[in-house]
Amino acid sequence: MVQALGDRIAEALAEYFHKQVRDLSGYGRAENLTMEQMIREKYRGIRPAPGYPACPDHTQKPQLWKLLDIEAATGIGLTESCAMKPGSSVSGFYFNHPESKYFAVGKLARDQIEDYAARSAREVAEVEKWLSPYLAYEA
């Protein structure tokens, strides 16, 4: 029960900080959304996160952790599978452009995986492992 409560509080704080960013950007102050509108994400901007449909590749997290020195700054680390620890941790990107919309990455063809592997200096098999739910072919 404590874990579930911690998870909900972490998500609520992420939404709160997203609201603060919208306010700092100048357009959030005029928002007067109901709880239902908040749940349905009727606010301006999006908050996608690594590992979710819009950003399915968790392997980008270690680079961000190193670049921003996240573990030293927050105490949040990463497991071998790039999950955040402690478990009640959230991360994401704030995009406040009025035309930003959530999307899901569709099935990926082999040429897309090969191109992504080359650009990220990784082996095709490694990229296939991490993105296996999104492959449009048998690896």
C-alpha atoms as a PDB file:
ATOM      1  CA  MET A   1       0.000   0.000   0.000  1.00  0.00           C
ATOM      2  CA  VAL A   2       2.864   2.369   0.805  1.00  0.00           C
ATOM      3  CA  GLN A   3       4.438   1.671  -2.607  1.00  0.00           C
ATOM      4  CA  ALA A   4       1.147   2.362  -4.412  1.00  0.00           C
ATOM      5  CA  LEU A   5       0.697   5.595  -2.471  1.00  0.00           C
ATOM      6  CA  GLY A   6       4.285   6.640  -3.260  1.00  0.00           C
ATOM      7  CA  ASP A   7       3.714   5.981  -6.968  1.00  0.00           C
ATOM      8  CA  ARG A   8       0.564   8.111  -6.995  1.00  0.00           C
ATOM      9  CA  ILE A   9       2.261  10.950  -5.110  1.00  0.00           C
ATOM     10  CA  ALA A  10       5.193  10.903  -7.557  1.00  0.00           C
ATOM     11  CA  GLU A  11       2.808  11.135 -10.529  1.00  0.00           C
ATOM     12  CA  ALA A  12       0.806  13.887  -8.846  1.00  0.00           C
ATOM     13  CA  LEU A  13       3.982  15.885  -8.235  1.00  0.00           C
ATOM     14  CA  ALA A  14       5.007  15.450 -11.882  1.00  0.00           C
ATOM     15  CA  GLU A  15       1.633  16.880 -12.918  1.00  0.00           C
ATOM     16  CA  TYR A  16       2.029  19.691 -10.393  1.00  0.00           C
ATOM     17  CA  PHE A  17       5.460  20.598 -11.787  1.00  0.00           C
ATOM     18  CA  HIS A  18       4.067  20.466 -15.319  1.00  0.00           C
ATOM     19  CA  LYS A  19       1.443  23.002 -14.206  1.00  0.00           C
ATOM     20  CA  GLN A  20       4.198  25.173 -12.712  1.00  0.00           C
ATOM     21  CA  VAL A  21       6.098  25.097 -16.025  1.00  0.00           C
ATOM     22  CA  ARG A  22       2.937  26.067 -17.908  1.00  0.00           C
ATOM     23  CA  ASP A  23       2.434  28.946 -15.462  1.00  0.00           C
ATOM     24  CA  LEU A  24       6.064  30.079 -15.909  1.00  0.00           C
ATOM     25  CA  SER A  25       5.536  29.966 -19.675  1.00  0.00           C
ATOM     26  CA  GLY A  26       2.698  32.440 -19.252  1.00  0.00           C
ATOM     27  CA  TYR A  27      -0.244  30.455 -20.583  1.00  0.00           C
ATOM     28  CA  GLY A  28      -0.925  28.145 -17.647  1.00  0.00           C
ATOM     29  CA  ARG A  29      -2.137  30.920 -15.370  1.00  0.00           C
ATOM     30  CA  ALA A  30      -5.359  31.205 -17.358  1.00  0.00           C
ATOM     31  CA  GLU A  31      -6.114  27.477 -17.059  1.00  0.00           C
ATOM     32  CA  ASN A  32      -9.134  26.644 -14.990  1.00  0.00           C
ATOM     33  CA  LEU A  33      -9.431  22.917 -15.636  1.00  0.00           C
ATOM     34  CA  THR A  34     -11.640  20.453 -13.826  1.00  0.00           C
ATOM     35  CA  MET A  35     -10.147  17.251 -12.432  1.00  0.00           C
ATOM     36  CA  GLU A  36     -11.707  15.348 -15.364  1.00  0.00           C
ATOM     37  CA  GLN A  37     -10.041  17.718 -17.849  1.00  0.00           C
ATOM     38  CA  MET A  38      -6.704  17.290 -16.074  1.00  0.00           C
ATOM     39  CA  ILE A  39      -7.007  13.493 -16.206  1.00  0.00           C
ATOM     40  CA  ARG A  40      -7.836  13.686 -19.920  1.00  0.00           C
ATOM     41  CA  GLU A  41      -4.789  15.959 -20.387  1.00  0.00           C
ATOM     42  CA  LYS A  42      -6.745  18.868 -21.843  1.00  0.00           C
ATOM     43  CA  TYR A  43      -4.002  21.299 -20.870  1.00  0.00           C
ATOM     44  CA  ARG A  44      -1.530  22.773 -23.332  1.00  0.00           C
ATOM     45  CA  GLY A  45       1.632  20.755 -23.845  1.00  0.00           C
ATOM     46  CA  ILE A  46       2.629  17.164 -23.145  1.00  0.00           C
ATOM     47  CA  ARG A  47       4.849  15.273 -20.690  1.00  0.00           C
ATOM     48  CA  PRO A  48       6.085  12.112 -22.460  1.00  0.00           C
ATOM     49  CA  ALA A  49       8.601   9.883 -20.721  1.00  0.00           C
ATOM     50  CA  PRO A  50      11.185   7.294 -21.780  1.00  0.00           C
ATOM     51  CA  GLY A  51       9.662   3.845 -21.901  1.00  0.00           C
ATOM     52  CA  TYR A  52       6.196   5.027 -22.846  1.00  0.00           C
ATOM     53  CA  PRO A  53       4.722   4.807 -26.370  1.00  0.00           C
ATOM     54  CA  ALA A  54       6.009   8.195 -27.545  1.00  0.00           C
ATOM     55  CA  CYS A  55       9.573   7.438 -26.310  1.00  0.00           C
ATOM     56  CA  PRO A  56       9.876   3.641 -26.176  1.00  0.00           C
ATOM     57  CA  ASP A  57      13.671   3.397 -25.921  1.00  0.00           C
ATOM     58  CA  HIS A  58      14.701   3.274 -22.247  1.00  0.00           C
ATOM     59  CA  THR A  59      18.365   3.150 -23.249  1.00  0.00           C
ATOM     60  CA  GLN A  60      18.468   6.913 -23.682  1.00  0.00           C
ATOM     61  CA  LYS A  61      18.116   7.333 -19.902  1.00  0.00           C
ATOM     62  CA  PRO A  62      21.762   6.584 -18.950  1.00  0.00           C
ATOM     63  CA  GLN A  63      22.949   9.389 -21.224  1.00  0.00           C
ATOM     64  CA  LEU A  64      20.531  11.807 -19.585  1.00  0.00           C
ATOM     65  CA  TRP A  65      21.518  10.624 -16.102  1.00  0.00           C
ATOM     66  CA  LYS A  66      25.173  11.266 -16.910  1.00  0.00           C
ATOM     67  CA  LEU A  67      24.631  14.578 -18.714  1.00  0.00           C
ATOM     68  CA  LEU A  68      22.440  16.019 -15.945  1.00  0.00           C
ATOM     69  CA  ASP A  69      24.167  14.170 -13.068  1.00  0.00           C
ATOM     70  CA  ILE A  70      20.723  13.057 -11.954  1.00  0.00           C
ATOM     71  CA  GLU A  71      21.818  10.478  -9.396  1.00  0.00           C
ATOM     72  CA  ALA A  72      23.970  13.008  -7.525  1.00  0.00           C
ATOM     73  CA  ALA A  73      21.292  15.696  -7.743  1.00  0.00           C
ATOM     74  CA  THR A  74      18.284  13.546  -6.800  1.00  0.00           C
ATOM     75  CA  GLY A  75      19.433  10.153  -5.538  1.00  0.00           C
ATOM     76  CA  ILE A  76      17.465   8.475  -8.338  1.00  0.00           C
ATOM     77  CA  GLY A  77      19.455   5.710 -10.006  1.00  0.00           C
ATOM     78  CA  LEU A  78      18.881   3.281 -12.837  1.00  0.00           C
ATOM     79  CA  THR A  79      18.716  -0.504 -12.823  1.00  0.00           C
ATOM     80  CA  GLU A  80      20.334  -2.660 -15.531  1.00  0.00           C
ATOM     81  CA  SER A  81      17.018  -2.529 -17.412  1.00  0.00           C
ATOM     82  CA  CYS A  82      16.955   1.295 -17.112  1.00  0.00           C
ATOM     83  CA  ALA A  83      14.086   1.321 -14.617  1.00  0.00           C
ATOM     84  CA  MET A  84      14.372   4.123 -12.091  1.00  0.00           C
ATOM     85  CA  LYS A  85      15.094   3.354  -8.463  1.00  0.00           C
ATOM     86  CA  PRO A  86      13.552   3.941  -6.038  1.00  0.00           C
ATOM     87  CA  GLY A  87      10.372   2.727  -7.683  1.00  0.00           C
ATOM     88  CA  SER A  88       8.312   5.802  -6.871  1.00  0.00           C
ATOM     89  CA  SER A  89      10.295   7.942  -9.307  1.00  0.00           C
ATOM     90  CA  VAL A  90       9.134   9.632 -12.494  1.00  0.00           C
ATOM     91  CA  SER A  91      10.898  11.312 -15.373  1.00  0.00           C
ATOM     92  CA  GLY A  92       9.717  12.993 -18.504  1.00  0.00           C
ATOM     93  CA  PHE A  93      10.089  15.797 -20.963  1.00  0.00           C
ATOM     94  CA  TYR A  94       7.953  18.913 -20.927  1.00  0.00           C
ATOM     95  CA  PHE A  95       6.854  20.155 -24.338  1.00  0.00           C
ATOM     96  CA  ASN A  96       4.770  23.293 -24.098  1.00  0.00           C
ATOM     97  CA  HIS A  97       4.190  24.044 -27.748  1.00  0.00           C
ATOM     98  CA  PRO A  98       0.445  24.464 -28.431  1.00  0.00           C
ATOM     99  CA  GLU A  99       0.559  21.889 -31.240  1.00  0.00           C
ATOM    100  CA  SER A 100       2.396  19.182 -29.288  1.00  0.00           C
ATOM    101  CA  LYS A 101       0.334  16.016 -29.046  1.00  0.00           C
ATOM    102  CA  TYR A 102       0.845  12.568 -27.570  1.00  0.00           C
ATOM    103  CA  PHE A 103       1.553   9.855 -30.089  1.00  0.00           C
ATOM    104  CA  ALA A 104       2.628   6.234 -30.136  1.00  0.00           C
ATOM    105  CA  VAL A 105       5.487   4.816 -32.132  1.00  0.00           C
ATOM    106  CA  GLY A 106       4.075   2.285 -34.568  1.00  0.00           C
ATOM    107  CA  LYS A 107       5.689  -0.973 -35.608  1.00  0.00           C
ATOM    108  CA  LEU A 108       9.284  -0.501 -36.742  1.00  0.00           C
ATOM    109  CA  ALA A 109      10.687  -2.020 -39.936  1.00  0.00           C
ATOM    110  CA  ARG A 110      14.146  -3.551 -40.088  1.00  0.00           C
ATOM    111  CA  ASP A 111      15.571  -0.607 -42.063  1.00  0.00           C
ATOM    112  CA  GLN A 112      14.406   1.774 -39.310  1.00  0.00           C
ATOM    113  CA  ILE A 113      16.058  -0.356 -36.634  1.00  0.00           C
ATOM    114  CA  GLU A 114      19.280  -0.568 -38.660  1.00  0.00           C
ATOM    115  CA  ASP A 115      19.318   3.193 -39.161  1.00  0.00           C
ATOM    116  CA  TYR A 116      18.626   3.856 -35.473  1.00  0.00           C
ATOM    117  CA  ALA A 117      21.324   1.362 -34.426  1.00  0.00           C
ATOM    118  CA  ALA A 118      23.864   3.066 -36.707  1.00  0.00           C
ATOM    119  CA  ARG A 119      22.978   6.541 -35.449  1.00  0.00           C
ATOM    120  CA  SER A 120      23.155   5.441 -31.806  1.00  0.00           C
ATOM    121  CA  ALA A 121      26.408   3.459 -32.359  1.00  0.00           C
ATOM    122  CA  ARG A 122      24.869   0.192 -31.166  1.00  0.00           C
ATOM    123  CA  GLU A 123      24.486  -3.282 -32.585  1.00  0.00           C
ATOM    124  CA  VAL A 124      21.214  -4.046 -34.379  1.00  0.00           C
ATOM    125  CA  ALA A 125      20.601  -6.996 -32.022  1.00  0.00           C
ATOM    126  CA  GLU A 126      20.829  -4.718 -28.970  1.00  0.00           C
ATOM    127  CA  VAL A 127      18.345  -2.228 -30.418  1.00  0.00           C
ATOM    128  CA  GLU A 128      16.033  -5.106 -31.388  1.00  0.00           C
ATOM    129  CA  LYS A 129      16.191  -6.414 -27.804  1.00  0.00           C
ATOM    130  CA  TRP A 130      15.181  -3.088 -26.289  1.00  0.00           C
ATOM    131  CA  LEU A 131      12.514  -2.289 -28.879  1.00  0.00           C
ATOM    132  CA  SER A 132      11.182  -5.833 -29.392  1.00  0.00           C
ATOM    133  CA  PRO A 133       7.514  -4.930 -28.655  1.00  0.00           C
ATOM    134  CA  TYR A 134       7.654  -2.402 -31.502  1.00  0.00           C
ATOM    135  CA  LEU A 135       9.215  -4.577 -34.212  1.00  0.00           C
ATOM    136  CA  ALA A 136       7.219  -5.247 -37.379  1.00  0.00           C
ATOM    137  CA  TYR A 137       9.311  -8.368 -38.027  1.00  0.00           C
ATOM    138  CA  GLU A 138      10.782 -11.392 -36.215  1.00  0.00           C
ATOM    139  CA  ALA A 139      14.210 -10.553 -34.828  1.00  0.00           C
END
